[in-house]
Protein backbone atom coordinates (compact mmCIF):
# COMPACT_ATOMS: atom_id res chain seq x y z
CA MET A 1 27.48 23.90 11.07
CA HIS A 2 27.81 20.97 13.47
CA GLU A 3 30.93 18.91 12.76
CA GLU A 4 29.61 15.55 13.92
CA GLU A 5 27.66 13.68 11.26
CA ILE A 6 24.13 12.55 12.03
CA LEU A 7 23.19 9.53 9.95
CA VAL A 8 19.69 8.20 9.36
CA THR A 9 20.32 5.53 11.98
CA ARG A 10 22.96 4.34 14.41
CA PRO A 11 23.31 0.86 15.88
CA SER A 12 22.19 0.21 19.42
CA MET A 13 24.97 -1.40 21.42
CA PRO A 14 25.16 -2.62 25.02
CA PRO A 15 27.84 -1.45 27.45
CA ILE A 16 31.07 -3.05 26.29
CA GLU A 17 31.56 -4.72 29.68
CA GLU A 18 28.22 -6.49 29.27
CA TYR A 19 29.21 -7.85 25.87
CA ILE A 20 32.62 -8.98 27.11
CA GLU A 21 30.96 -10.82 29.98
CA GLU A 22 28.64 -12.56 27.49
CA LEU A 23 31.69 -13.65 25.47
CA ARG A 24 33.46 -15.39 28.38
CA ASP A 25 31.48 -18.60 27.88
CA ILE A 26 32.54 -18.69 24.24
CA TRP A 27 36.22 -18.47 25.20
CA GLU A 28 35.76 -21.26 27.69
CA SER A 29 33.84 -23.58 25.35
CA ARG A 30 35.68 -22.72 22.10
CA TRP A 31 32.33 -23.22 20.39
CA LEU A 32 32.27 -20.35 17.89
CA THR A 33 29.53 -21.35 15.44
CA ASN A 34 27.31 -24.30 14.37
CA MET A 35 24.35 -23.61 16.66
CA GLY A 36 26.11 -23.39 20.01
CA ALA A 37 24.76 -22.42 23.43
CA LYS A 38 24.39 -18.69 22.66
CA HIS A 39 22.57 -19.47 19.43
CA ARG A 40 20.12 -21.77 21.20
CA GLU A 41 19.57 -19.36 24.10
CA LEU A 42 18.85 -16.43 21.79
CA GLN A 43 16.32 -18.51 19.85
CA GLN A 44 14.46 -19.35 23.04
CA ARG A 45 14.50 -15.79 24.34
CA LEU A 46 13.26 -14.43 21.00
CA GLU A 47 10.40 -16.92 20.91
CA LYS A 48 9.26 -15.57 24.26
CA TYR A 49 9.83 -11.89 23.42
CA LEU A 50 8.17 -12.05 20.00
CA THR A 51 5.41 -14.38 21.27
CA VAL A 52 5.91 -16.85 18.44
CA GLN A 53 6.09 -20.62 18.64
CA HIS A 54 9.35 -21.13 16.77
CA VAL A 55 12.37 -19.04 15.79
CA ASP A 56 15.38 -20.18 13.80
CA LEU A 57 18.41 -17.90 13.50
CA LEU A 58 20.29 -17.23 10.28
CA THR A 59 23.29 -15.24 9.20
CA ASN A 60 21.17 -12.36 7.85
CA GLY A 61 17.66 -11.34 6.91
CA HIS A 62 18.18 -11.94 3.23
CA MET A 63 19.03 -15.60 3.74
CA ALA A 64 15.96 -15.86 5.95
CA LEU A 65 13.83 -14.78 2.98
CA GLU A 66 15.67 -16.74 0.32
CA LEU A 67 15.79 -20.02 2.22
CA SER A 68 12.20 -19.69 3.46
CA MET A 69 10.99 -19.57 -0.14
CA GLN A 70 13.10 -22.61 -0.93
CA ALA A 71 11.85 -24.49 2.14
CA LEU A 72 8.23 -23.80 1.18
CA ARG A 73 8.95 -25.15 -2.32
CA LEU A 74 7.40 -22.18 -4.07
CA THR A 75 6.97 -22.24 -7.83
CA GLY A 76 5.88 -19.88 -10.58
CA GLU A 77 4.76 -16.43 -9.51
CA VAL A 78 4.90 -14.59 -6.20
CA ILE A 79 2.88 -11.44 -5.51
CA THR A 80 4.85 -8.77 -3.69
CA THR A 81 5.52 -5.02 -3.61
CA PRO A 82 8.34 -2.96 -5.16
CA PHE A 83 8.27 -0.51 -2.23
CA THR A 84 10.92 -2.39 -0.28
CA PHE A 85 14.63 -3.02 0.03
CA ALA A 86 16.40 -4.95 -2.75
CA SER A 87 16.52 -8.11 -0.66
CA THR A 88 12.79 -8.87 -0.94
CA THR A 89 12.74 -8.90 -4.73
CA HIS A 90 16.16 -10.49 -5.10
CA ALA A 91 15.22 -13.39 -2.83
CA ILE A 92 12.28 -14.12 -5.12
CA VAL A 93 14.28 -13.90 -8.33
CA ARG A 94 17.21 -15.95 -6.95
CA ASN A 95 14.70 -18.75 -6.30
CA ASN A 96 13.80 -18.73 -10.02
CA LEU A 97 10.40 -17.28 -9.16
CA THR A 98 8.66 -14.44 -10.96
CA PRO A 99 7.80 -11.38 -8.85
CA VAL A 100 4.40 -9.92 -9.68
CA PHE A 101 4.32 -6.40 -8.33
CA CYS A 102 1.26 -5.11 -6.50
CA ASP A 103 0.92 -1.42 -5.70
CA ILE A 104 0.94 -0.05 -2.15
CA ASN A 105 -1.87 1.80 -0.41
CA GLU A 106 -1.64 5.55 0.12
CA ASN A 107 -2.12 5.47 3.87
CA ASP A 108 0.58 3.23 5.36
CA TYR A 109 2.67 2.22 2.29
CA THR A 110 2.04 -1.52 2.70
CA ILE A 111 0.69 -3.77 -0.06
CA ASP A 112 -2.75 -2.70 -1.35
CA VAL A 113 -4.92 -5.67 -0.40
CA ASP A 114 -7.69 -4.51 -2.75
CA LYS A 115 -5.40 -5.14 -5.72
CA ILE A 116 -3.97 -8.56 -4.80
CA GLU A 117 -6.69 -10.85 -6.13
CA ASN A 118 -6.61 -9.34 -9.64
CA LEU A 119 -2.96 -10.39 -9.85
CA ILE A 120 -3.50 -14.04 -8.89
CA THR A 121 -3.12 -16.56 -11.73
CA GLU A 122 -2.88 -20.34 -11.91
CA ARG A 123 0.91 -19.90 -11.53
CA THR A 124 0.74 -17.94 -8.24
CA SER A 125 2.14 -19.86 -5.27
CA ALA A 126 2.59 -17.19 -2.58
CA ILE A 127 2.18 -13.63 -1.38
CA VAL A 128 5.23 -11.84 0.05
CA PRO A 129 3.95 -8.66 1.74
CA VAL A 130 6.28 -6.19 3.47
CA HIS A 131 5.70 -4.49 6.81
CA VAL A 132 7.07 -0.98 6.22
CA TYR A 133 8.62 1.50 8.72
CA GLY A 134 7.00 -0.39 11.59
CA ASN A 135 3.60 -0.16 9.83
CA ILE A 136 1.96 -3.55 9.45
CA CYS A 137 0.14 -5.02 6.50
CA ASP A 138 -3.57 -5.89 6.63
CA VAL A 139 -2.74 -9.38 7.92
CA GLU A 140 -6.37 -10.45 8.23
CA ARG A 141 -7.34 -9.62 4.65
CA ILE A 142 -4.14 -11.12 3.32
CA GLN A 143 -4.80 -14.38 5.14
CA GLU A 144 -8.37 -14.49 3.82
CA ILE A 145 -7.08 -14.13 0.26
CA ALA A 146 -4.34 -16.70 0.81
CA ASP A 147 -6.78 -19.25 2.27
CA LYS A 148 -9.26 -18.70 -0.56
CA HIS A 149 -6.62 -19.33 -3.22
CA ASN A 150 -4.46 -21.84 -1.32
CA LEU A 151 -1.39 -19.58 -1.26
CA LYS A 152 1.53 -19.37 1.15
CA VAL A 153 2.22 -16.08 2.96
CA ILE A 154 5.79 -15.05 3.76
CA TYR A 155 6.10 -11.70 5.51
CA ASP A 156 9.18 -9.55 5.11
CA ALA A 157 9.15 -8.26 8.69
CA ALA A 158 12.58 -6.61 8.64
CA HIS A 159 11.06 -3.33 9.89
CA ALA A 160 8.70 -4.89 12.39
CA PHE A 161 10.76 -6.34 15.24
CA GLY A 162 8.70 -6.35 18.42
CA VAL A 163 5.61 -4.85 16.79
CA ARG A 164 2.33 -6.17 18.18
CA TYR A 165 -1.14 -6.22 16.66
CA LYS A 166 -4.17 -6.70 18.91
CA GLY A 167 -1.80 -7.99 21.56
CA LYS A 168 -0.17 -10.59 19.31
CA GLY A 169 3.39 -10.53 18.02
CA ILE A 170 3.25 -9.52 14.36
CA CYS A 171 5.58 -12.38 13.44
CA SER A 172 2.92 -14.91 14.43
CA PHE A 173 0.91 -14.14 11.28
CA GLY A 174 1.25 -15.87 7.93
CA ASP A 175 3.15 -19.09 7.25
CA VAL A 176 6.53 -17.49 7.91
CA SER A 177 7.83 -14.08 8.99
CA CYS A 178 11.40 -13.11 8.19
CA LEU A 179 13.36 -10.67 10.34
CA SER A 180 16.59 -8.78 9.80
CA PHE A 181 18.96 -8.18 12.70
CA HIS A 182 21.29 -5.98 10.68
CA ALA A 183 23.20 -3.27 12.55
CA THR A 184 20.75 -0.61 11.30
CA LYS A 185 17.66 -2.30 12.72
CA VAL A 186 15.77 -1.67 15.98
CA PHE A 187 17.26 -4.92 17.32
CA ASN A 188 20.61 -6.07 15.98
CA THR A 189 22.96 -9.00 16.34
CA ILE A 190 25.64 -7.05 14.43
CA GLU A 191 24.51 -9.01 11.36
CA GLY A 192 21.80 -11.63 11.46
CA GLY A 193 18.27 -12.67 10.73
CA ALA A 194 15.53 -15.06 11.75
CA VAL A 195 12.51 -16.95 10.55
CA CYS A 196 9.41 -17.20 12.76
CA PHE A 197 6.82 -19.92 12.22
CA SER A 198 4.16 -21.87 14.06
CA GLU A 199 3.84 -25.44 15.26
CA ARG A 200 1.69 -26.28 12.25
CA ASN A 201 4.72 -25.66 10.02
CA LYS A 202 7.08 -28.10 11.74
CA ASP A 203 8.13 -29.57 8.39
CA PHE A 204 9.18 -26.09 7.32
CA GLY A 205 11.26 -25.84 10.49
CA LEU A 206 13.11 -29.05 9.69
CA ASP A 207 13.76 -27.88 6.13
CA ILE A 208 14.99 -24.40 7.07
CA TYR A 209 17.35 -25.94 9.63
CA ARG A 210 18.84 -28.20 6.97
CA LEU A 211 18.97 -25.55 4.27
CA LYS A 212 20.97 -23.16 6.45
CA ASN A 213 23.47 -25.98 7.05
CA PHE A 214 24.31 -27.23 3.53
CA GLY A 215 21.24 -29.46 3.29
CA ILE A 216 22.70 -31.92 5.78
CA ARG A 217 20.12 -34.22 7.39
CA ASN A 218 22.60 -36.26 9.42
CA GLU A 219 26.21 -37.43 9.30
CA GLU A 220 25.53 -39.75 6.38
CA CYS A 221 22.68 -38.07 4.50
CA VAL A 222 22.68 -34.79 2.57
CA ASP A 223 19.30 -34.70 0.85
CA ALA A 224 18.94 -31.02 -0.09
CA VAL A 225 21.08 -28.41 -1.82
CA GLY A 226 21.55 -25.97 1.04
CA ALA A 227 23.52 -22.87 1.89
CA ASN A 228 25.73 -21.89 4.80
CA ALA A 229 23.56 -19.45 6.73
CA LYS A 230 24.16 -20.21 10.40
CA MET A 231 24.40 -17.36 12.90
CA ASN A 232 27.70 -17.49 14.80
CA GLU A 233 28.05 -17.30 18.57
CA PHE A 234 29.49 -13.78 18.64
CA CYS A 235 26.43 -12.39 16.84
CA ALA A 236 24.12 -14.38 19.10
CA ALA A 237 25.93 -12.97 22.14
CA MET A 238 25.35 -9.43 20.88
CA GLY A 239 21.71 -10.33 20.40
CA LEU A 240 21.38 -11.57 23.97
CA CYS A 241 22.80 -8.28 25.23
CA ASN A 242 20.70 -6.06 22.98
CA LEU A 243 17.51 -7.97 23.77
CA ARG A 244 17.86 -6.92 27.42
CA HIS A 245 17.75 -3.27 26.39
CA VAL A 246 15.47 -3.27 23.35
CA ASP A 247 12.30 -2.09 25.12
CA GLU A 248 14.11 0.95 26.47
CA GLU A 249 15.64 1.60 23.06
CA ILE A 250 12.18 1.57 21.46
CA LYS A 251 10.92 4.04 24.09
CA LYS A 252 13.78 6.40 23.22
CA ARG A 253 12.91 6.10 19.52
CA LYS A 254 9.32 7.03 20.31
CA LYS A 255 10.49 10.22 22.01
CA ILE A 256 12.32 11.24 18.84
CA ALA A 257 9.30 10.35 16.69
CA ASP A 258 7.08 12.44 18.98
CA ILE A 259 9.40 15.46 18.57
CA TYR A 260 9.18 15.21 14.79
CA ARG A 261 5.45 14.59 14.83
CA LYS A 262 4.76 17.61 17.05
CA ALA A 263 6.98 19.83 14.88
CA PHE A 264 5.45 18.78 11.57
CA GLU A 265 1.80 18.19 12.49
CA GLY A 266 -0.47 20.33 10.33
CA THR A 267 2.29 21.54 8.00
CA GLU A 268 0.89 21.82 4.49
CA GLY A 269 2.61 19.53 2.01
CA LEU A 270 3.95 17.03 4.57
CA LYS A 271 2.44 13.58 5.03
CA LEU A 272 3.50 11.82 8.22
CA ASN A 273 3.51 8.14 9.08
CA PRO A 274 0.04 7.07 10.25
CA ILE A 275 -0.70 5.77 13.73
CA GLN A 276 -2.33 2.41 13.05
CA LYS A 277 -5.22 1.18 15.16
CA ASP A 278 -4.46 -1.70 17.56
CA VAL A 279 -0.75 -1.59 16.68
CA GLU A 280 2.14 -1.19 19.11
CA THR A 281 4.80 0.04 16.73
CA ASN A 282 8.58 0.20 17.13
CA ASP A 283 9.24 3.56 15.38
CA SER A 284 11.88 1.85 13.27
CA TYR A 285 11.88 4.72 10.77
CA PHE A 286 10.37 8.18 10.47
CA PRO A 287 9.28 8.70 6.86
CA VAL A 288 7.99 12.03 5.60
CA ILE A 289 6.29 12.44 2.22
CA PHE A 290 7.05 15.82 0.63
CA ASN A 291 4.50 17.26 -1.77
CA GLU A 292 6.66 19.81 -3.56
CA GLY A 293 3.74 21.84 -4.91
CA ARG A 294 2.21 22.38 -1.47
CA PHE A 295 5.32 22.41 0.72
CA GLY A 296 7.35 24.56 -1.63
CA ALA A 297 10.47 22.37 -1.68
CA SER A 298 11.16 18.92 -3.08
CA ARG A 299 12.27 15.90 -1.11
CA ASP A 300 15.70 16.15 -2.72
CA ALA A 301 16.02 19.85 -1.88
CA VAL A 302 15.27 19.10 1.78
CA ARG A 303 17.74 16.24 1.72
CA ALA A 304 20.43 18.53 0.30
CA LYS A 305 19.74 21.18 2.94
CA LEU A 306 20.10 18.62 5.71
CA ALA A 307 23.35 17.36 4.16
CA GLU A 308 24.73 20.92 4.26
CA ASN A 309 24.31 20.62 8.03
CA ASN A 310 25.99 17.19 8.19
CA ILE A 311 22.64 15.45 8.59
CA PHE A 312 22.14 12.54 6.24
CA ALA A 313 18.54 11.48 5.70
CA ARG A 314 17.69 8.60 3.38
CA ARG A 315 15.41 8.26 0.36
CA TYR A 316 13.95 5.01 1.59
CA PHE A 317 12.61 3.33 -0.59
CA TYR A 318 14.10 4.84 -3.70
CA PRO A 319 14.44 3.61 -6.35
CA LEU A 320 11.67 1.03 -6.50
CA THR A 321 12.94 -2.51 -6.98
CA ASN A 322 10.97 -2.84 -10.22
CA THR A 323 13.07 0.00 -11.67
CA PHE A 324 16.47 -1.54 -10.88
CA GLU A 325 18.96 -1.75 -13.74
CA ALA A 326 19.24 -5.46 -12.96
CA PHE A 327 15.67 -5.82 -14.25
CA HIS A 328 15.89 -3.24 -17.05
CA GLY A 329 12.78 -3.32 -19.24
CA LYS A 330 11.19 -6.25 -17.40
CA TYR A 331 8.52 -4.51 -15.33
CA ASP A 332 5.94 -1.81 -16.02
CA THR A 333 6.09 0.80 -13.26
CA SER A 334 2.80 2.31 -14.45
CA LYS A 335 1.16 -0.68 -12.73
CA THR A 336 2.43 0.54 -9.35
CA PRO A 337 1.74 4.31 -9.56
CA VAL A 338 1.36 4.97 -5.82
CA ALA A 339 4.65 3.24 -5.03
CA LEU A 340 6.35 5.16 -7.84
CA LYS A 341 5.00 8.51 -6.64
CA TYR A 342 5.97 7.97 -3.00
CA SER A 343 9.41 6.65 -3.91
CA ARG A 344 10.07 10.09 -5.42
CA GLU A 345 8.72 11.99 -2.42
CA VAL A 346 9.74 10.03 0.68
CA LEU A 347 12.58 10.96 3.01
CA THR A 348 13.30 9.06 6.22
CA LEU A 349 14.73 11.34 8.89
CA PRO A 350 17.37 10.29 11.43
CA ILE A 351 15.89 8.26 14.26
CA TYR A 352 17.72 6.09 16.76
CA ALA A 353 17.82 5.63 20.51
CA GLY A 354 21.01 7.65 20.95
CA LEU A 355 19.87 10.70 18.99
CA PRO A 356 19.70 13.66 21.42
CA PRO A 357 16.22 15.22 21.51
CA LYS A 358 17.72 18.66 20.88
CA GLU A 359 19.24 17.37 17.64
CA ALA A 360 15.88 15.96 16.56
CA ALA A 361 14.36 19.38 17.17
CA ARG A 362 17.16 21.00 15.14
CA ILE A 363 16.56 18.57 12.27
CA ALA A 364 12.86 19.47 12.31
CA ASP A 365 13.71 23.16 12.22
CA ILE A 366 15.98 22.70 9.20
CA VAL A 367 13.24 20.78 7.37
CA LEU A 368 10.67 23.47 8.08
CA SER A 369 13.10 26.21 7.01
CA CYS A 370 12.88 24.78 3.48
CA LYS A 371 9.17 25.58 3.24
CA LYS A 372 8.45 28.37 0.82
């Protein structure tokens, strides 16, 4: 047994000397927060990297979601998916909106666009789809539906940093795309998040800026009930460093994904993440669906075997958000059968830039050793 633990992910970090050098300006200016020079520089660099017109930085991805819904003045019902992290659903509920859960498709685990329209009512104000594992939603069909029914589209793009579709940054689709820069993500600012939006949504930009700063319009006018969700300069400095290295980090992730894919390809009972057409992915996660009847071992049995070897994979996403105790008895999971099935079968294997290829190969061997 190897003594060192291998977790499902590990934060990418720049050389410490590079980060210290980035911090020198902060020491000289004493400007630690409230949209300082590092904050503004990171926004500009992200706009260029993500090929979006506007980026605003926030303290985390959850506040990006929650305040975006508030800024868009959503009401009533919001169509979304339960196959996601808690944040997506909680942001909806904390805005006094009602989540209406749509199932996911069997291929790439994103929202099933064929089932969205049947869920639209006169109370529906928006669709909140989730890009999953670096897989992107059917952005074209979703926009067609939204335009037809006059709905807003807010993408939870926490898994999709840097992903491109037909040459365009994925965060340029919809009304707003929300990113997480949490330590576990492909690109991190230690803790942080962002909203991406276009020039046509300039009013949204003004509102999100106010809402992340207590609703303050100017020194004498506070005309909204806002939060305190400003990214500080230390997090922005980490982001500036990590952005310089992120392309190389994604390439290293791809090498790990390729090792897994080669090892598992053709194995009965294992469903691997699809390779989507026209998509440049970021390999943010490596999910495997385990069909116990065909593979001969359950997802949980494989997870336990890995844990015996100090390897800690994650059941991601499990449980579904519509099964949370916080919502006990509120939602009917029989309406999202594909999501429910995959939540019980999915295991995301360790993948990060610093994972040695030989360890990825060892992880694959342990998984395959479980096959009966």
